[in-house]
Full PDB file with SEQRES, HELIX, SHEET, SSBOND, CRYST1, ORIGX, SCALE, CONECT and MASTER records, all heavy atoms in Angstrom:
SEQRES   1 A   30  SER HIS PRO PHE ILE HIS ALA PRO PRO LEU SER GLU SER          
SEQRES   2 A   30  LEU ASN ILE THR GLY ILE PRO THR MET TYR PHE VAL SER          
SEQRES   3 A   30  SER ASP GLY MET                                              
HELIX    1 AA1 PRO A    8  SER A   13  1                                   6    
CRYST1    1.000    1.000    1.000  90.00  90.00  90.00 P 1           1          
ORIGX1      1.000000  0.000000  0.000000        0.00000                         
ORIGX2      0.000000  1.000000  0.000000        0.00000                         
ORIGX3      0.000000  0.000000  1.000000        0.00000                         
SCALE1      1.000000  0.000000  0.000000        0.00000                         
SCALE2      0.000000  1.000000  0.000000        0.00000                         
SCALE3      0.000000  0.000000  1.000000        0.00000                         
ATOM      1  N   SER A   1       0.846  -1.289  -0.052  1.00  0.00           N  
ATOM      2  CA  SER A   1      -0.030  -0.044   0.012  1.00  0.00           C  
ATOM      3  C   SER A   1       0.917   1.244   0.024  1.00  0.00           C  
ATOM      4  O   SER A   1       0.327   2.283  -0.011  1.00  0.00           O  
ATOM      5  CB  SER A   1      -0.934  -0.029   1.211  1.00  0.00           C  
ATOM      6  OG  SER A   1      -0.163  -0.044   2.373  1.00  0.00           O  
ATOM      7  N   HIS A   2       2.219   1.110   0.008  1.00  0.00           N  
ATOM      8  CA  HIS A   2       3.086   2.245   0.056  1.00  0.00           C  
ATOM      9  C   HIS A   2       3.397   2.757  -1.321  1.00  0.00           C  
ATOM     10  O   HIS A   2       3.572   2.044  -2.299  1.00  0.00           O  
ATOM     11  CB  HIS A   2       4.390   1.861   0.750  1.00  0.00           C  
ATOM     12  CG  HIS A   2       4.123   0.931   1.929  1.00  0.00           C  
ATOM     13  ND1 HIS A   2       3.521   1.455   3.042  1.00  0.00           N  
ATOM     14  CD2 HIS A   2       4.323  -0.324   2.150  1.00  0.00           C  
ATOM     15  CE1 HIS A   2       3.538   0.428   3.935  1.00  0.00           C  
ATOM     16  NE2 HIS A   2       3.977  -0.588   3.373  1.00  0.00           N  
ATOM     17  N   PRO A   3       3.351   4.148  -1.469  1.00  0.00           N  
ATOM     18  CA  PRO A   3       3.762   4.730  -2.680  1.00  0.00           C  
ATOM     19  C   PRO A   3       5.329   4.492  -3.038  1.00  0.00           C  
ATOM     20  O   PRO A   3       6.041   4.495  -2.235  1.00  0.00           O  
ATOM     21  CB  PRO A   3       3.533   6.238  -2.568  1.00  0.00           C  
ATOM     22  CG  PRO A   3       3.498   6.399  -1.172  1.00  0.00           C  
ATOM     23  CD  PRO A   3       3.073   5.133  -0.451  1.00  0.00           C  
ATOM     24  N   PHE A   4       5.482   4.329  -4.443  1.00  0.00           N  
ATOM     25  CA  PHE A   4       6.878   4.223  -4.937  1.00  0.00           C  
ATOM     26  C   PHE A   4       7.077   5.359  -5.755  1.00  0.00           C  
ATOM     27  O   PHE A   4       6.335   5.662  -6.758  1.00  0.00           O  
ATOM     28  CB  PHE A   4       7.010   2.912  -5.810  1.00  0.00           C  
ATOM     29  CG  PHE A   4       7.056   1.725  -5.090  1.00  0.00           C  
ATOM     30  CD1 PHE A   4       6.064   1.229  -4.215  1.00  0.00           C  
ATOM     31  CD2 PHE A   4       8.212   0.767  -5.333  1.00  0.00           C  
ATOM     32  CE1 PHE A   4       6.176   0.001  -3.503  1.00  0.00           C  
ATOM     33  CE2 PHE A   4       8.257  -0.354  -4.633  1.00  0.00           C  
ATOM     34  CZ  PHE A   4       7.311  -0.884  -3.735  1.00  0.00           C  
ATOM     35  N   ILE A   5       8.128   6.189  -5.490  1.00  0.00           N  
ATOM     36  CA  ILE A   5       8.301   7.475  -6.103  1.00  0.00           C  
ATOM     37  C   ILE A   5       9.675   7.539  -6.706  1.00  0.00           C  
ATOM     38  O   ILE A   5      10.758   7.152  -5.997  1.00  0.00           O  
ATOM     39  CB  ILE A   5       8.148   8.574  -5.114  1.00  0.00           C  
ATOM     40  CG1 ILE A   5       6.697   8.687  -4.574  1.00  0.00           C  
ATOM     41  CG2 ILE A   5       8.526   9.968  -5.756  1.00  0.00           C  
ATOM     42  CD1 ILE A   5       6.470   9.600  -3.383  1.00  0.00           C  
ATOM     43  N   HIS A   6       9.784   7.916  -8.014  1.00  0.00           N  
ATOM     44  CA  HIS A   6      11.130   8.059  -8.596  1.00  0.00           C  
ATOM     45  C   HIS A   6      11.794   9.423  -8.186  1.00  0.00           C  
ATOM     46  O   HIS A   6      11.288  10.498  -8.392  1.00  0.00           O  
ATOM     47  CB  HIS A   6      10.962   8.145 -10.052  1.00  0.00           C  
ATOM     48  CG  HIS A   6      12.179   8.118 -11.000  1.00  0.00           C  
ATOM     49  ND1 HIS A   6      13.077   7.020 -10.883  1.00  0.00           N  
ATOM     50  CD2 HIS A   6      12.649   9.074 -11.719  1.00  0.00           C  
ATOM     51  CE1 HIS A   6      14.130   7.373 -11.570  1.00  0.00           C  
ATOM     52  NE2 HIS A   6      13.853   8.571 -12.229  1.00  0.00           N  
ATOM     53  N   ALA A   7      12.996   9.239  -7.373  1.00  0.00           N  
ATOM     54  CA  ALA A   7      13.403  10.520  -6.602  1.00  0.00           C  
ATOM     55  C   ALA A   7      14.937  10.619  -6.630  1.00  0.00           C  
ATOM     56  O   ALA A   7      15.587  10.913  -5.621  1.00  0.00           O  
ATOM     57  CB  ALA A   7      12.879  10.543  -5.237  1.00  0.00           C  
ATOM     58  N   PRO A   8      15.609  10.436  -7.862  1.00  0.00           N  
ATOM     59  CA  PRO A   8      16.995  10.633  -7.795  1.00  0.00           C  
ATOM     60  C   PRO A   8      17.571  11.903  -7.268  1.00  0.00           C  
ATOM     61  O   PRO A   8      18.494  11.925  -6.448  1.00  0.00           O  
ATOM     62  CB  PRO A   8      17.388  10.384  -9.283  1.00  0.00           C  
ATOM     63  CG  PRO A   8      16.448   9.456  -9.814  1.00  0.00           C  
ATOM     64  CD  PRO A   8      15.058  10.016  -9.129  1.00  0.00           C  
ATOM     65  N   PRO A   9      16.880  13.061  -7.626  1.00  0.00           N  
ATOM     66  CA  PRO A   9      17.333  14.281  -7.141  1.00  0.00           C  
ATOM     67  C   PRO A   9      17.294  14.420  -5.559  1.00  0.00           C  
ATOM     68  O   PRO A   9      18.116  14.939  -4.901  1.00  0.00           O  
ATOM     69  CB  PRO A   9      16.500  15.461  -7.787  1.00  0.00           C  
ATOM     70  CG  PRO A   9      16.000  14.686  -9.036  1.00  0.00           C  
ATOM     71  CD  PRO A   9      15.801  13.280  -8.688  1.00  0.00           C  
ATOM     72  N   LEU A  10      16.157  13.910  -5.007  1.00  0.00           N  
ATOM     73  CA  LEU A  10      16.076  13.994  -3.608  1.00  0.00           C  
ATOM     74  C   LEU A  10      17.174  13.044  -2.856  1.00  0.00           C  
ATOM     75  O   LEU A  10      17.841  13.452  -1.969  1.00  0.00           O  
ATOM     76  CB  LEU A  10      14.670  13.347  -3.109  1.00  0.00           C  
ATOM     77  CG  LEU A  10      14.556  13.341  -1.528  1.00  0.00           C  
ATOM     78  CD1 LEU A  10      14.546  14.660  -0.890  1.00  0.00           C  
ATOM     79  CD2 LEU A  10      13.023  12.678  -1.371  1.00  0.00           C  
ATOM     80  N   SER A  11      17.414  11.932  -3.483  1.00  0.00           N  
ATOM     81  CA  SER A  11      18.541  11.050  -3.026  1.00  0.00           C  
ATOM     82  C   SER A  11      19.799  11.707  -3.084  1.00  0.00           C  
ATOM     83  O   SER A  11      20.608  11.589  -2.131  1.00  0.00           O  
ATOM     84  CB  SER A  11      18.453   9.766  -3.891  1.00  0.00           C  
ATOM     85  OG  SER A  11      17.218   9.058  -3.808  1.00  0.00           O  
ATOM     86  N   GLU A  12      20.123  12.431  -4.063  1.00  0.00           N  
ATOM     87  CA  GLU A  12      21.313  13.149  -4.304  1.00  0.00           C  
ATOM     88  C   GLU A  12      21.441  14.103  -3.278  1.00  0.00           C  
ATOM     89  O   GLU A  12      22.650  14.434  -2.737  1.00  0.00           O  
ATOM     90  CB  GLU A  12      21.440  13.677  -5.762  1.00  0.00           C  
ATOM     91  CG  GLU A  12      22.835  14.134  -5.971  1.00  0.00           C  
ATOM     92  CD  GLU A  12      22.963  14.569  -7.465  1.00  0.00           C  
ATOM     93  OE1 GLU A  12      22.612  13.702  -8.343  1.00  0.00           O  
ATOM     94  OE2 GLU A  12      23.433  15.783  -7.738  1.00  0.00           O  
ATOM     95  N   SER A  13      20.277  14.958  -2.970  1.00  0.00           N  
ATOM     96  CA  SER A  13      20.403  16.126  -2.126  1.00  0.00           C  
ATOM     97  C   SER A  13      20.667  15.562  -0.748  1.00  0.00           C  
ATOM     98  O   SER A  13      21.142  16.293   0.263  1.00  0.00           O  
ATOM     99  CB  SER A  13      19.158  16.891  -2.223  1.00  0.00           C  
ATOM    100  OG  SER A  13      18.082  16.169  -1.621  1.00  0.00           O  
ATOM    101  N   LEU A  14      20.340  14.351  -0.392  1.00  0.00           N  
ATOM    102  CA  LEU A  14      20.414  13.802   0.874  1.00  0.00           C  
ATOM    103  C   LEU A  14      21.806  12.937   1.053  1.00  0.00           C  
ATOM    104  O   LEU A  14      22.158  12.367   2.043  1.00  0.00           O  
ATOM    105  CB  LEU A  14      19.286  12.745   1.244  1.00  0.00           C  
ATOM    106  CG  LEU A  14      17.981  13.438   1.492  1.00  0.00           C  
ATOM    107  CD1 LEU A  14      16.883  12.436   1.629  1.00  0.00           C  
ATOM    108  CD2 LEU A  14      17.958  14.275   2.730  1.00  0.00           C  
ATOM    109  N   ASN A  15      22.533  12.897  -0.047  1.00  0.00           N  
ATOM    110  CA  ASN A  15      23.803  12.319  -0.196  1.00  0.00           C  
ATOM    111  C   ASN A  15      23.724  10.795   0.066  1.00  0.00           C  
ATOM    112  O   ASN A  15      24.622  10.205   0.750  1.00  0.00           O  
ATOM    113  CB  ASN A  15      24.878  12.989   0.655  1.00  0.00           C  
ATOM    114  CG  ASN A  15      25.271  14.371   0.390  1.00  0.00           C  
ATOM    115  OD1 ASN A  15      25.363  14.676  -0.922  1.00  0.00           O  
ATOM    116  ND2 ASN A  15      25.194  15.227   1.330  1.00  0.00           N  
ATOM    117  N   ILE A  16      22.712  10.101  -0.471  1.00  0.00           N  
ATOM    118  CA  ILE A  16      22.428   8.773  -0.185  1.00  0.00           C  
ATOM    119  C   ILE A  16      23.397   7.999  -1.188  1.00  0.00           C  
ATOM    120  O   ILE A  16      23.305   8.272  -2.434  1.00  0.00           O  
ATOM    121  CB  ILE A  16      21.067   8.342  -0.349  1.00  0.00           C  
ATOM    122  CG1 ILE A  16      20.194   8.965   0.746  1.00  0.00           C  
ATOM    123  CG2 ILE A  16      20.918   6.856  -0.378  1.00  0.00           C  
ATOM    124  CD1 ILE A  16      18.653   8.876   0.577  1.00  0.00           C  
ATOM    125  N   THR A  17      24.257   7.241  -0.690  1.00  0.00           N  
ATOM    126  CA  THR A  17      25.170   6.490  -1.568  1.00  0.00           C  
ATOM    127  C   THR A  17      24.919   4.896  -1.490  1.00  0.00           C  
ATOM    128  O   THR A  17      24.827   4.214  -2.313  1.00  0.00           O  
ATOM    129  CB  THR A  17      26.619   6.637  -1.154  1.00  0.00           C  
ATOM    130  OG1 THR A  17      26.876   6.451   0.246  1.00  0.00           O  
ATOM    131  CG2 THR A  17      27.055   8.156  -1.458  1.00  0.00           C  
ATOM    132  N   GLY A  18      24.697   4.498  -0.214  1.00  0.00           N  
ATOM    133  CA  GLY A  18      24.388   3.018  -0.005  1.00  0.00           C  
ATOM    134  C   GLY A  18      22.937   2.804   0.095  1.00  0.00           C  
ATOM    135  O   GLY A  18      22.129   3.691   0.508  1.00  0.00           O  
ATOM    136  N   ILE A  19      22.522   1.603  -0.389  1.00  0.00           N  
ATOM    137  CA  ILE A  19      21.135   1.253  -0.307  1.00  0.00           C  
ATOM    138  C   ILE A  19      20.936  -0.246   0.233  1.00  0.00           C  
ATOM    139  O   ILE A  19      21.980  -0.951   0.128  1.00  0.00           O  
ATOM    140  CB  ILE A  19      20.372   1.362  -1.665  1.00  0.00           C  
ATOM    141  CG1 ILE A  19      21.181   0.475  -2.706  1.00  0.00           C  
ATOM    142  CG2 ILE A  19      20.159   2.725  -2.069  1.00  0.00           C  
ATOM    143  CD1 ILE A  19      20.368   0.395  -4.116  1.00  0.00           C  
ATOM    144  N   PRO A  20      19.899  -0.470   1.027  1.00  0.00           N  
ATOM    145  CA  PRO A  20      18.915   0.518   1.305  1.00  0.00           C  
ATOM    146  C   PRO A  20      19.314   1.490   2.392  1.00  0.00           C  
ATOM    147  O   PRO A  20      20.152   1.250   3.256  1.00  0.00           O  
ATOM    148  CB  PRO A  20      17.704  -0.429   1.784  1.00  0.00           C  
ATOM    149  CG  PRO A  20      18.347  -1.594   2.429  1.00  0.00           C  
ATOM    150  CD  PRO A  20      19.686  -1.714   1.611  1.00  0.00           C  
ATOM    151  N   THR A  21      18.619   2.671   2.443  1.00  0.00           N  
ATOM    152  CA  THR A  21      18.758   3.589   3.459  1.00  0.00           C  
ATOM    153  C   THR A  21      17.368   4.067   3.880  1.00  0.00           C  
ATOM    154  O   THR A  21      16.516   4.242   2.999  1.00  0.00           O  
ATOM    155  CB  THR A  21      19.482   4.843   2.823  1.00  0.00           C  
ATOM    156  OG1 THR A  21      20.883   4.497   2.644  1.00  0.00           O  
ATOM    157  CG2 THR A  21      19.508   5.969   3.891  1.00  0.00           C  
ATOM    158  N   MET A  22      17.190   4.206   5.230  1.00  0.00           N  
ATOM    159  CA  MET A  22      16.005   4.513   5.679  1.00  0.00           C  
ATOM    160  C   MET A  22      16.068   5.732   6.662  1.00  0.00           C  
ATOM    161  O   MET A  22      17.079   5.959   7.377  1.00  0.00           O  
ATOM    162  CB  MET A  22      15.377   3.305   6.614  1.00  0.00           C  
ATOM    163  CG  MET A  22      15.018   2.159   5.769  1.00  0.00           C  
ATOM    164  SD  MET A  22      15.118   0.622   6.782  1.00  0.00           S  
ATOM    165  CE  MET A  22      16.966   0.181   6.417  1.00  0.00           C  
ATOM    166  N   TYR A  23      15.152   6.633   6.569  1.00  0.00           N  
ATOM    167  CA  TYR A  23      15.008   7.780   7.438  1.00  0.00           C  
ATOM    168  C   TYR A  23      13.655   7.618   8.229  1.00  0.00           C  
ATOM    169  O   TYR A  23      12.626   7.457   7.683  1.00  0.00           O  
ATOM    170  CB  TYR A  23      14.972   9.139   6.745  1.00  0.00           C  
ATOM    171  CG  TYR A  23      16.368   9.475   6.168  1.00  0.00           C  
ATOM    172  CD1 TYR A  23      16.567   9.123   4.805  1.00  0.00           C  
ATOM    173  CD2 TYR A  23      17.337  10.103   6.863  1.00  0.00           C  
ATOM    174  CE1 TYR A  23      17.792   9.478   4.260  1.00  0.00           C  
ATOM    175  CE2 TYR A  23      18.502  10.396   6.200  1.00  0.00           C  
ATOM    176  CZ  TYR A  23      18.720  10.148   5.018  1.00  0.00           C  
ATOM    177  OH  TYR A  23      19.910  10.509   4.427  1.00  0.00           O  
ATOM    178  N   PHE A  24      13.833   7.624   9.605  1.00  0.00           N  
ATOM    179  CA  PHE A  24      12.640   7.629  10.442  1.00  0.00           C  
ATOM    180  C   PHE A  24      12.410   9.049  10.856  1.00  0.00           C  
ATOM    181  O   PHE A  24      13.068   9.790  11.424  1.00  0.00           O  
ATOM    182  CB  PHE A  24      12.846   6.727  11.675  1.00  0.00           C  
ATOM    183  CG  PHE A  24      13.061   5.364  11.355  1.00  0.00           C  
ATOM    184  CD1 PHE A  24      14.262   4.724  10.742  1.00  0.00           C  
ATOM    185  CD2 PHE A  24      12.052   4.407  11.611  1.00  0.00           C  
ATOM    186  CE1 PHE A  24      14.329   3.528  10.487  1.00  0.00           C  
ATOM    187  CE2 PHE A  24      12.069   3.102  11.256  1.00  0.00           C  
ATOM    188  CZ  PHE A  24      13.348   2.607  10.719  1.00  0.00           C  
ATOM    189  N   VAL A  25      11.221   9.547  10.390  1.00  0.00           N  
ATOM    190  CA  VAL A  25      10.802  10.941  10.428  1.00  0.00           C  
ATOM    191  C   VAL A  25       9.566  11.155  11.466  1.00  0.00           C  
ATOM    192  O   VAL A  25       8.660  10.331  11.224  1.00  0.00           O  
ATOM    193  CB  VAL A  25      10.438  11.517   8.985  1.00  0.00           C  
ATOM    194  CG1 VAL A  25      10.032  12.982   9.139  1.00  0.00           C  
ATOM    195  CG2 VAL A  25      11.513  11.363   7.967  1.00  0.00           C  
ATOM    196  N   SER A  26       9.773  12.146  12.407  1.00  0.00           N  
ATOM    197  CA  SER A  26       8.734  12.282  13.317  1.00  0.00           C  
ATOM    198  C   SER A  26       7.509  13.049  12.678  1.00  0.00           C  
ATOM    199  O   SER A  26       7.647  13.455  11.506  1.00  0.00           O  
ATOM    200  CB  SER A  26       9.249  13.100  14.562  1.00  0.00           C  
ATOM    201  OG  SER A  26       9.460  14.451  14.115  1.00  0.00           O  
ATOM    202  N   SER A  27       6.442  13.056  13.457  1.00  0.00           N  
ATOM    203  CA  SER A  27       5.218  13.761  13.031  1.00  0.00           C  
ATOM    204  C   SER A  27       5.593  15.247  12.753  1.00  0.00           C  
ATOM    205  O   SER A  27       4.815  15.988  12.120  1.00  0.00           O  
ATOM    206  CB  SER A  27       3.979  13.557  13.823  1.00  0.00           C  
ATOM    207  OG  SER A  27       4.410  13.954  15.110  1.00  0.00           O  
ATOM    208  N   ASP A  28       6.525  15.770  13.396  1.00  0.00           N  
ATOM    209  CA  ASP A  28       7.032  17.165  13.276  1.00  0.00           C  
ATOM    210  C   ASP A  28       7.928  17.308  12.074  1.00  0.00           C  
ATOM    211  O   ASP A  28       8.220  18.469  11.716  1.00  0.00           O  
ATOM    212  CB  ASP A  28       7.864  17.619  14.448  1.00  0.00           C  
ATOM    213  CG  ASP A  28       7.053  17.562  15.673  1.00  0.00           C  
ATOM    214  OD1 ASP A  28       5.753  17.445  15.711  1.00  0.00           O  
ATOM    215  OD2 ASP A  28       7.656  17.591  16.783  1.00  0.00           O  
ATOM    216  N   GLY A  29       8.113  16.191  11.253  1.00  0.00           N  
ATOM    217  CA  GLY A  29       8.949  16.382  10.083  1.00  0.00           C  
ATOM    218  C   GLY A  29      10.371  16.329  10.343  1.00  0.00           C  
ATOM    219  O   GLY A  29      11.230  16.594   9.466  1.00  0.00           O  
ATOM    220  N   MET A  30      10.844  15.926  11.554  1.00  0.00           N  
ATOM    221  CA  MET A  30      12.326  15.960  11.913  1.00  0.00           C  
ATOM    222  C   MET A  30      12.790  14.539  11.774  1.00  0.00           C  
ATOM    223  O   MET A  30      12.106  13.488  12.108  1.00  0.00           O  
ATOM    224  CB  MET A  30      12.435  16.350  13.407  1.00  0.00           C  
ATOM    225  CG  MET A  30      11.982  17.742  13.694  1.00  0.00           C  
ATOM    226  SD  MET A  30      12.817  19.032  12.830  1.00  0.00           S  
ATOM    227  CE  MET A  30      14.456  18.813  13.389  1.00  0.00           C  
TER     228      MET A  30                                                      
MASTER        0    0    0    1    0    0    0    6  227    1    0    3          
END                                                                             
C-alpha cells in the first residue's frame, strides 16, 4: 500500500550512497 516514487534528485540532495537507506521521520517532520 506504500507509494513508490522516482526521486534521484532527492536522493542526491540527501547524499545517499548506500542502499537500502531509511529515514525515520517524526510527525514534526524531523
